[in-house]
């Protein structure tokens, strides 16, 4: 039940677009360690066929870069002192 609660908390935080499984210690989970899962399609932990005496798998949130603002829009004054700010084609 702790795994399900962890998954729900990651989803409700609004920071993450997907999850991965970390701390994989059995054959069942080692094949899934590098895969990204949407919250809707994340496999339940412990995985079916887990051979560990105590499952150590955890969900880890993966930040979705599309959720944040674009860096260019927040830096409209970055080129304030740029010597090329004047379009030379119009001169």
PDB file of N, CA and C in Angstrom:
ATOM      1  N   UNK A   1       0.821  -1.194   0.000  1.00  0.00           N
ATOM      2  CA  UNK A   1       0.000   0.000   0.000  1.00  0.00           C
ATOM      3  C   UNK A   1       0.865   1.258   0.000  1.00  0.00           C
ATOM      4  N   UNK A   2       2.056   1.179   0.589  1.00  0.00           N
ATOM      5  CA  UNK A   2       2.952   2.333   0.630  1.00  0.00           C
ATOM      6  C   UNK A   2       3.414   2.718  -0.772  1.00  0.00           C
ATOM      7  N   UNK A   3       3.583   1.720  -1.633  1.00  0.00           N
ATOM      8  CA  UNK A   3       4.002   2.009  -3.011  1.00  0.00           C
ATOM      9  C   UNK A   3       2.913   2.781  -3.756  1.00  0.00           C
ATOM     10  N   UNK A   4       1.680   2.367  -3.600  1.00  0.00           N
ATOM     11  CA  UNK A   4       0.559   3.028  -4.273  1.00  0.00           C
ATOM     12  C   UNK A   4       0.425   4.473  -3.780  1.00  0.00           C
ATOM     13  N   UNK A   5       0.590   4.664  -2.478  1.00  0.00           N
ATOM     14  CA  UNK A   5       0.512   6.009  -1.897  1.00  0.00           C
ATOM     15  C   UNK A   5       1.629   6.892  -2.447  1.00  0.00           C
ATOM     16  N   UNK A   6       2.815   6.327  -2.578  1.00  0.00           N
ATOM     17  CA  UNK A   6       3.958   7.060  -3.122  1.00  0.00           C
ATOM     18  C   UNK A   6       3.690   7.496  -4.565  1.00  0.00           C
ATOM     19  N   UNK A   7       3.114   6.600  -5.356  1.00  0.00           N
ATOM     20  CA  UNK A   7       2.794   6.916  -6.752  1.00  0.00           C
ATOM     21  C   UNK A   7       1.768   8.043  -6.826  1.00  0.00           C
ATOM     22  N   UNK A   8       0.761   7.984  -5.988  1.00  0.00           N
ATOM     23  CA  UNK A   8      -0.279   9.024  -5.972  1.00  0.00           C
ATOM     24  C   UNK A   8       0.316  10.368  -5.556  1.00  0.00           C
ATOM     25  N   UNK A   9       1.194  10.372  -4.563  1.00  0.00           N
ATOM     26  CA  UNK A   9       1.822  11.619  -4.114  1.00  0.00           C
ATOM     27  C   UNK A   9       2.685  12.238  -5.210  1.00  0.00           C
ATOM     28  N   UNK A  10       3.420  11.409  -5.947  1.00  0.00           N
ATOM     29  CA  UNK A  10       4.239  11.921  -7.049  1.00  0.00           C
ATOM     30  C   UNK A  10       3.360  12.551  -8.124  1.00  0.00           C
ATOM     31  N   UNK A  11       2.260  11.890  -8.436  1.00  0.00           N
ATOM     32  CA  UNK A  11       1.361  12.413  -9.475  1.00  0.00           C
ATOM     33  C   UNK A  11       0.700  13.718  -9.038  1.00  0.00           C
ATOM     34  N   UNK A  12       0.265  13.784  -7.793  1.00  0.00           N
ATOM     35  CA  UNK A  12      -0.434  14.970  -7.311  1.00  0.00           C
ATOM     36  C   UNK A  12       0.483  16.164  -7.088  1.00  0.00           C
ATOM     37  N   UNK A  13       1.783  15.935  -7.022  1.00  0.00           N
ATOM     38  CA  UNK A  13       2.712  17.043  -6.825  1.00  0.00           C
ATOM     39  C   UNK A  13       2.708  17.996  -8.018  1.00  0.00           C
ATOM     40  N   UNK A  14       2.385  17.467  -9.200  1.00  0.00           N
ATOM     41  CA  UNK A  14       2.353  18.293 -10.400  1.00  0.00           C
ATOM     42  C   UNK A  14       3.712  18.563 -11.010  1.00  0.00           C
ATOM     43  N   UNK A  15       4.775  18.050 -10.419  1.00  0.00           N
ATOM     44  CA  UNK A  15       6.135  18.282 -10.917  1.00  0.00           C
ATOM     45  C   UNK A  15       6.575  17.252 -11.944  1.00  0.00           C
ATOM     46  N   UNK A  16       5.951  16.087 -11.910  1.00  0.00           N
ATOM     47  CA  UNK A  16       6.465  14.964 -12.679  1.00  0.00           C
ATOM     48  C   UNK A  16       5.503  14.552 -13.790  1.00  0.00           C
ATOM     49  N   UNK A  17       6.092  14.160 -14.911  1.00  0.00           N
ATOM     50  CA  UNK A  17       5.299  13.704 -16.044  1.00  0.00           C
ATOM     51  C   UNK A  17       5.272  12.204 -16.162  1.00  0.00           C
ATOM     52  N   UNK A  18       6.220  11.529 -15.533  1.00  0.00           N
ATOM     53  CA  UNK A  18       6.281  10.075 -15.578  1.00  0.00           C
ATOM     54  C   UNK A  18       7.088   9.585 -14.378  1.00  0.00           C
ATOM     55  N   UNK A  19       7.198   8.266 -14.269  1.00  0.00           N
ATOM     56  CA  UNK A  19       7.964   7.666 -13.181  1.00  0.00           C
ATOM     57  C   UNK A  19       8.861   6.566 -13.724  1.00  0.00           C
ATOM     58  N   UNK A  20       9.902   6.274 -12.970  1.00  0.00           N
ATOM     59  CA  UNK A  20      10.741   5.113 -13.226  1.00  0.00           C
ATOM     60  C   UNK A  20      10.758   4.295 -11.940  1.00  0.00           C
ATOM     61  N   UNK A  21      11.233   3.069 -12.048  1.00  0.00           N
ATOM     62  CA  UNK A  21      11.372   2.216 -10.876  1.00  0.00           C
ATOM     63  C   UNK A  21      12.850   2.189 -10.520  1.00  0.00           C
ATOM     64  N   UNK A  22      13.171   2.491  -9.271  1.00  0.00           N
ATOM     65  CA  UNK A  22      14.573   2.478  -8.838  1.00  0.00           C
ATOM     66  C   UNK A  22      14.746   1.447  -7.723  1.00  0.00           C
ATOM     67  N   UNK A  23      15.986   1.174  -7.377  1.00  0.00           N
ATOM     68  CA  UNK A  23      16.353   0.170  -6.369  1.00  0.00           C
ATOM     69  C   UNK A  23      15.888  -1.224  -6.761  1.00  0.00           C
ATOM     70  N   UNK A  24      16.068  -1.564  -8.018  1.00  0.00           N
ATOM     71  CA  UNK A  24      15.652  -2.866  -8.536  1.00  0.00           C
ATOM     72  C   UNK A  24      16.630  -3.945  -8.088  1.00  0.00           C
ATOM     73  N   UNK A  25      16.147  -4.924  -7.346  1.00  0.00           N
ATOM     74  CA  UNK A  25      17.028  -5.962  -6.824  1.00  0.00           C
ATOM     75  C   UNK A  25      16.628  -7.370  -7.225  1.00  0.00           C
ATOM     76  N   UNK A  26      15.683  -7.518  -8.131  1.00  0.00           N
ATOM     77  CA  UNK A  26      15.294  -8.860  -8.555  1.00  0.00           C
ATOM     78  C   UNK A  26      15.192  -8.897 -10.074  1.00  0.00           C
ATOM     79  N   UNK A  27      15.091 -10.097 -10.620  1.00  0.00           N
ATOM     80  CA  UNK A  27      15.008 -10.248 -12.070  1.00  0.00           C
ATOM     81  C   UNK A  27      13.751  -9.612 -12.643  1.00  0.00           C
ATOM     82  N   UNK A  28      12.665  -9.679 -11.912  1.00  0.00           N
ATOM     83  CA  UNK A  28      11.397  -9.122 -12.397  1.00  0.00           C
ATOM     84  C   UNK A  28      11.483  -7.608 -12.593  1.00  0.00           C
ATOM     85  N   UNK A  29      12.200  -6.938 -11.717  1.00  0.00           N
ATOM     86  CA  UNK A  29      12.265  -5.477 -11.799  1.00  0.00           C
ATOM     87  C   UNK A  29      13.451  -4.964 -12.613  1.00  0.00           C
ATOM     88  N   UNK A  30      14.506  -5.743 -12.737  1.00  0.00           N
ATOM     89  CA  UNK A  30      15.704  -5.253 -13.435  1.00  0.00           C
ATOM     90  C   UNK A  30      15.428  -4.945 -14.900  1.00  0.00           C
ATOM     91  N   UNK A  31      14.498  -5.636 -15.509  1.00  0.00           N
ATOM     92  CA  UNK A  31      14.151  -5.366 -16.906  1.00  0.00           C
ATOM     93  C   UNK A  31      13.372  -4.061 -17.060  1.00  0.00           C
ATOM     94  N   UNK A  32      12.773  -3.591 -15.987  1.00  0.00           N
ATOM     95  CA  UNK A  32      11.943  -2.379 -16.043  1.00  0.00           C
ATOM     96  C   UNK A  32      12.639  -1.130 -15.524  1.00  0.00           C
ATOM     97  N   UNK A  33      13.854  -1.273 -15.008  1.00  0.00           N
ATOM     98  CA  UNK A  33      14.533  -0.146 -14.354  1.00  0.00           C
ATOM     99  C   UNK A  33      14.805   1.045 -15.264  1.00  0.00           C
ATOM    100  N   UNK A  34      14.957   0.844 -16.530  1.00  0.00           N
ATOM    101  CA  UNK A  34      15.289   1.955 -17.427  1.00  0.00           C
ATOM    102  C   UNK A  34      14.072   2.517 -18.152  1.00  0.00           C
ATOM    103  N   UNK A  35      12.902   1.972 -17.914  1.00  0.00           N
ATOM    104  CA  UNK A  35      11.707   2.401 -18.637  1.00  0.00           C
ATOM    105  C   UNK A  35      10.964   3.504 -17.890  1.00  0.00           C
ATOM    106  N   UNK A  36      10.387   4.415 -18.662  1.00  0.00           N
ATOM    107  CA  UNK A  36       9.543   5.472 -18.113  1.00  0.00           C
ATOM    108  C   UNK A  36       8.097   5.007 -18.229  1.00  0.00           C
ATOM    109  N   UNK A  37       7.316   5.270 -17.190  1.00  0.00           N
ATOM    110  CA  UNK A  37       5.909   4.891 -17.180  1.00  0.00           C
ATOM    111  C   UNK A  37       5.062   6.104 -16.864  1.00  0.00           C
ATOM    112  N   UNK A  38       3.931   6.218 -17.552  1.00  0.00           N
ATOM    113  CA  UNK A  38       2.971   7.251 -17.164  1.00  0.00           C
ATOM    114  C   UNK A  38       2.372   6.809 -15.837  1.00  0.00           C
ATOM    115  N   UNK A  39       1.779   7.716 -15.129  1.00  0.00           N
ATOM    116  CA  UNK A  39       1.196   7.359 -13.836  1.00  0.00           C
ATOM    117  C   UNK A  39       0.090   6.320 -14.019  1.00  0.00           C
ATOM    118  N   UNK A  40      -0.609   6.429 -15.105  1.00  0.00           N
ATOM    119  CA  UNK A  40      -1.722   5.507 -15.372  1.00  0.00           C
ATOM    120  C   UNK A  40      -1.227   4.091 -15.682  1.00  0.00           C
ATOM    121  N   UNK A  41      -0.049   3.968 -16.298  1.00  0.00           N
ATOM    122  CA  UNK A  41       0.450   2.667 -16.734  1.00  0.00           C
ATOM    123  C   UNK A  41       1.621   2.138 -15.909  1.00  0.00           C
ATOM    124  N   UNK A  42       1.917   2.748 -14.787  1.00  0.00           N
ATOM    125  CA  UNK A  42       3.017   2.274 -13.932  1.00  0.00           C
ATOM    126  C   UNK A  42       2.624   0.928 -13.321  1.00  0.00           C
ATOM    127  N   UNK A  43       3.521  -0.037 -13.362  1.00  0.00           N
ATOM    128  CA  UNK A  43       3.198  -1.342 -12.770  1.00  0.00           C
ATOM    129  C   UNK A  43       3.119  -1.257 -11.255  1.00  0.00           C
ATOM    130  N   UNK A  44       2.270  -2.081 -10.679  1.00  0.00           N
ATOM    131  CA  UNK A  44       2.131  -2.119  -9.228  1.00  0.00           C
ATOM    132  C   UNK A  44       3.365  -2.751  -8.602  1.00  0.00           C
ATOM    133  N   UNK A  45       3.773  -2.204  -7.475  1.00  0.00           N
ATOM    134  CA  UNK A  45       4.904  -2.751  -6.731  1.00  0.00           C
ATOM    135  C   UNK A  45       4.392  -3.417  -5.465  1.00  0.00           C
ATOM    136  N   UNK A  46       4.970  -4.514  -5.046  1.00  0.00           N
ATOM    137  CA  UNK A  46       6.028  -5.295  -5.677  1.00  0.00           C
ATOM    138  C   UNK A  46       5.519  -5.963  -6.952  1.00  0.00           C
ATOM    139  N   UNK A  47       6.428  -6.136  -7.900  1.00  0.00           N
ATOM    140  CA  UNK A  47       6.084  -6.721  -9.190  1.00  0.00           C
ATOM    141  C   UNK A  47       5.747  -8.201  -9.044  1.00  0.00           C
ATOM    142  N   UNK A  48       4.892  -8.675  -9.935  1.00  0.00           N
ATOM    143  CA  UNK A  48       4.597 -10.096  -9.980  1.00  0.00           C
ATOM    144  C   UNK A  48       5.884 -10.842 -10.306  1.00  0.00           C
ATOM    145  N   UNK A  49       6.189 -11.871  -9.580  1.00  0.00           N
ATOM    146  CA  UNK A  49       7.401 -12.643  -9.821  1.00  0.00           C
ATOM    147  C   UNK A  49       8.617 -12.114  -9.088  1.00  0.00           C
ATOM    148  N   UNK A  50       8.426 -11.181  -8.163  1.00  0.00           N
ATOM    149  CA  UNK A  50       9.546 -10.632  -7.391  1.00  0.00           C
ATOM    150  C   UNK A  50      10.159 -11.741  -6.546  1.00  0.00           C
ATOM    151  N   UNK A  51      11.479 -11.887  -6.619  1.00  0.00           N
ATOM    152  CA  UNK A  51      12.173 -12.942  -5.892  1.00  0.00           C
ATOM    153  C   UNK A  51      12.927 -12.426  -4.672  1.00  0.00           C
ATOM    154  N   UNK A  52      12.853 -11.135  -4.407  1.00  0.00           N
ATOM    155  CA  UNK A  52      13.544 -10.556  -3.249  1.00  0.00           C
ATOM    156  C   UNK A  52      12.797 -10.927  -1.967  1.00  0.00           C
ATOM    157  N   UNK A  53      13.535 -11.139  -0.896  1.00  0.00           N
ATOM    158  CA  UNK A  53      12.888 -11.450   0.377  1.00  0.00           C
ATOM    159  C   UNK A  53      12.071 -10.265   0.873  1.00  0.00           C
ATOM    160  N   UNK A  54      12.562  -9.061   0.607  1.00  0.00           N
ATOM    161  CA  UNK A  54      11.806  -7.843   0.900  1.00  0.00           C
ATOM    162  C   UNK A  54      11.990  -6.897  -0.277  1.00  0.00           C
ATOM    163  N   UNK A  55      10.899  -6.516  -0.918  1.00  0.00           N
ATOM    164  CA  UNK A  55      10.960  -5.658  -2.112  1.00  0.00           C
ATOM    165  C   UNK A  55      11.510  -4.277  -1.736  1.00  0.00           C
ATOM    166  N   UNK A  56      12.536  -3.848  -2.467  1.00  0.00           N
ATOM    167  CA  UNK A  56      13.125  -2.524  -2.230  1.00  0.00           C
ATOM    168  C   UNK A  56      12.829  -1.554  -3.370  1.00  0.00           C
ATOM    169  N   UNK A  57      12.025  -1.970  -4.325  1.00  0.00           N
ATOM    170  CA  UNK A  57      11.698  -1.105  -5.464  1.00  0.00           C
ATOM    171  C   UNK A  57      10.926   0.124  -4.991  1.00  0.00           C
ATOM    172  N   UNK A  58      11.172   1.225  -5.675  1.00  0.00           N
ATOM    173  CA  UNK A  58      10.481   2.481  -5.374  1.00  0.00           C
ATOM    174  C   UNK A  58      10.176   3.200  -6.675  1.00  0.00           C
ATOM    175  N   UNK A  59       9.143   4.020  -6.646  1.00  0.00           N
ATOM    176  CA  UNK A  59       8.863   4.902  -7.772  1.00  0.00           C
ATOM    177  C   UNK A  59       9.696   6.166  -7.604  1.00  0.00           C
ATOM    178  N   UNK A  60      10.233   6.654  -8.702  1.00  0.00           N
ATOM    179  CA  UNK A  60      10.940   7.936  -8.694  1.00  0.00           C
ATOM    180  C   UNK A  60      10.337   8.786  -9.796  1.00  0.00           C
ATOM    181  N   UNK A  61       9.941   9.995  -9.451  1.00  0.00           N
ATOM    182  CA  UNK A  61       9.343  10.898 -10.424  1.00  0.00           C
ATOM    183  C   UNK A  61      10.375  11.419 -11.412  1.00  0.00           C
ATOM    184  N   UNK A  62       9.939  11.567 -12.664  1.00  0.00           N
ATOM    185  CA  UNK A  62      10.775  12.132 -13.725  1.00  0.00           C
ATOM    186  C   UNK A  62      10.163  13.470 -14.106  1.00  0.00           C
ATOM    187  N   UNK A  63      10.933  14.533 -13.945  1.00  0.00           N
ATOM    188  CA  UNK A  63      10.430  15.882 -14.217  1.00  0.00           C
ATOM    189  C   UNK A  63      10.117  16.024 -15.696  1.00  0.00           C
ATOM    190  N   UNK A  64       8.937  16.544 -15.966  1.00  0.00           N
ATOM    191  CA  UNK A  64       8.513  16.792 -17.338  1.00  0.00           C
ATOM    192  C   UNK A  64       8.892  18.222 -17.691  1.00  0.00           C
ATOM    193  N   UNK A  65       9.876  18.371 -18.551  1.00  0.00           N
ATOM    194  CA  UNK A  65      10.363  19.710 -18.892  1.00  0.00           C
ATOM    195  C   UNK A  65       9.305  20.535 -19.601  1.00  0.00           C
ATOM    196  N   UNK A  66       8.313  19.891 -20.186  1.00  0.00           N
ATOM    197  CA  UNK A  66       7.265  20.636 -20.885  1.00  0.00           C
ATOM    198  C   UNK A  66       6.311  21.324 -19.932  1.00  0.00           C
ATOM    199  N   UNK A  67       6.325  20.936 -18.642  1.00  0.00           N
ATOM    200  CA  UNK A  67       5.415  21.544 -17.680  1.00  0.00           C
ATOM    201  C   UNK A  67       5.852  22.942 -17.267  1.00  0.00           C
ATOM    202  N   UNK A  68       7.139  23.226 -17.300  1.00  0.00           N
ATOM    203  CA  UNK A  68       7.657  24.527 -16.888  1.00  0.00           C
ATOM    204  C   UNK A  68       7.626  25.531 -18.020  1.00  0.00           C
ATOM    205  N   UNK A  69       7.892  26.779 -17.684  1.00  0.00           N
ATOM    206  CA  UNK A  69       7.946  27.814 -18.689  1.00  0.00           C
ATOM    207  C   UNK A  69       9.223  27.720 -19.504  1.00  0.00           C
ATOM    208  N   UNK A  70       9.244  28.352 -20.633  1.00  0.00           N
ATOM    209  CA  UNK A  70      10.433  28.326 -21.478  1.00  0.00           C
ATOM    210  C   UNK A  70      11.457  29.300 -20.924  1.00  0.00           C
ATOM    211  N   UNK A  71      12.708  28.902 -20.960  1.00  0.00           N
ATOM    212  CA  UNK A  71      13.770  29.751 -20.416  1.00  0.00           C
ATOM    213  C   UNK A  71      13.910  31.039 -21.208  1.00  0.00           C
ATOM    214  N   UNK A  72      13.671  30.999 -22.500  1.00  0.00           N
ATOM    215  CA  UNK A  72      13.835  32.179 -23.346  1.00  0.00           C
ATOM    216  C   UNK A  72      12.855  33.271 -22.930  1.00  0.00           C
ATOM    217  N   UNK A  73      11.620  32.894 -22.619  1.00  0.00           N
ATOM    218  CA  UNK A  73      10.610  33.900 -22.281  1.00  0.00           C
ATOM    219  C   UNK A  73      10.887  34.568 -20.940  1.00  0.00           C
ATOM    220  N   UNK A  74      11.562  33.885 -20.040  1.00  0.00           N
ATOM    221  CA  UNK A  74      11.819  34.475 -18.734  1.00  0.00           C
ATOM    222  C   UNK A  74      13.115  35.286 -18.728  1.00  0.00           C
ATOM    223  N   UNK A  75      13.791  35.367 -19.839  1.00  0.00           N
ATOM    224  CA  UNK A  75      15.078  36.050 -19.888  1.00  0.00           C
ATOM    225  C   UNK A  75      15.051  37.119 -20.984  1.00  0.00           C
ATOM    226  N   UNK A  76      14.034  37.960 -20.966  1.00  0.00           N
ATOM    227  CA  UNK A  76      13.892  38.943 -22.035  1.00  0.00           C
ATOM    228  C   UNK A  76      14.909  40.076 -21.941  1.00  0.00           C
ATOM    229  N   UNK A  77      15.608  40.216 -20.832  1.00  0.00           N
ATOM    230  CA  UNK A  77      16.614  41.271 -20.708  1.00  0.00           C
ATOM    231  C   UNK A  77      18.036  40.724 -20.771  1.00  0.00           C
ATOM    232  N   UNK A  78      18.189  39.435 -21.075  1.00  0.00           N
ATOM    233  CA  UNK A  78      19.520  38.823 -21.077  1.00  0.00           C
ATOM    234  C   UNK A  78      20.462  39.481 -22.083  1.00  0.00           C
ATOM    235  N   UNK A  79      19.926  39.948 -23.170  1.00  0.00           N
ATOM    236  CA  UNK A  79      20.762  40.494 -24.234  1.00  0.00           C
ATOM    237  C   UNK A  79      20.704  42.018 -24.265  1.00  0.00           C
ATOM    238  N   UNK A  80      20.524  42.611 -23.117  1.00  0.00           N
ATOM    239  CA  UNK A  80      20.390  44.061 -23.008  1.00  0.00           C
ATOM    240  C   UNK A  80      21.627  44.780 -23.547  1.00  0.00           C
ATOM    241  N   UNK A  81      22.791  44.248 -23.282  1.00  0.00           N
ATOM    242  CA  UNK A  81      24.029  44.891 -23.709  1.00  0.00           C
ATOM    243  C   UNK A  81      24.637  44.233 -24.955  1.00  0.00           C
ATOM    244  N   UNK A  82      23.826  43.524 -25.687  1.00  0.00           N
ATOM    245  CA  UNK A  82      24.315  42.822 -26.868  1.00  0.00           C
ATOM    246  C   UNK A  82      24.606  43.830 -27.978  1.00  0.00           C
ATOM    247  N   UNK A  83      25.809  43.799 -28.530  1.00  0.00           N
ATOM    248  CA  UNK A  83      26.185  44.760 -29.564  1.00  0.00           C
ATOM    249  C   UNK A  83      25.475  44.487 -30.886  1.00  0.00           C
ATOM    250  N   UNK A  84      24.871  43.313 -31.010  1.00  0.00           N
ATOM    251  CA  UNK A  84      24.178  42.967 -32.245  1.00  0.00           C
ATOM    252  C   UNK A  84      22.665  43.077 -32.102  1.00  0.00           C
ATOM    253  N   UNK A  85      22.185  43.855 -31.160  1.00  0.00           N
ATOM    254  CA  UNK A  85      20.747  43.937 -30.956  1.00  0.00           C
ATOM    255  C   UNK A  85      20.052  44.760 -32.060  1.00  0.00           C
ATOM    256  N   UNK A  86      20.798  45.549 -32.799  1.00  0.00           N
ATOM    257  CA  UNK A  86      20.232  46.309 -33.892  1.00  0.00           C
ATOM    258  C   UNK A  86      20.327  45.468 -35.158  1.00  0.00           C
ATOM    259  N   UNK A  87      19.226  45.374 -35.875  1.00  0.00           N
ATOM    260  CA  UNK A  87      19.215  44.607 -37.113  1.00  0.00           C
ATOM    261  C   UNK A  87      19.929  45.422 -38.189  1.00  0.00           C
ATOM    262  N   UNK A  88      21.094  44.951 -38.613  1.00  0.00           N
ATOM    263  CA  UNK A  88      21.896  45.680 -39.593  1.00  0.00           C
ATOM    264  C   UNK A  88      21.276  45.681 -40.984  1.00  0.00           C
ATOM    265  N   UNK A  89      20.346  44.819 -41.218  1.00  0.00           N
ATOM    266  CA  UNK A  89      19.709  44.767 -42.541  1.00  0.00           C
ATOM    267  C   UNK A  89      18.814  45.965 -42.777  1.00  0.00           C
ATOM    268  N   UNK A  90      18.361  46.606 -41.729  1.00  0.00           N
ATOM    269  CA  UNK A  90      17.444  47.750 -41.878  1.00  0.00           C
ATOM    270  C   UNK A  90      18.206  49.068 -41.964  1.00  0.00           C
ATOM    271  N   UNK A  91      19.505  49.054 -41.827  1.00  0.00           N
ATOM    272  CA  UNK A  91      20.281  50.298 -41.858  1.00  0.00           C
ATOM    273  C   UNK A  91      20.683  50.666 -43.257  1.00  0.00           C
TER     274      UNK A  91
END
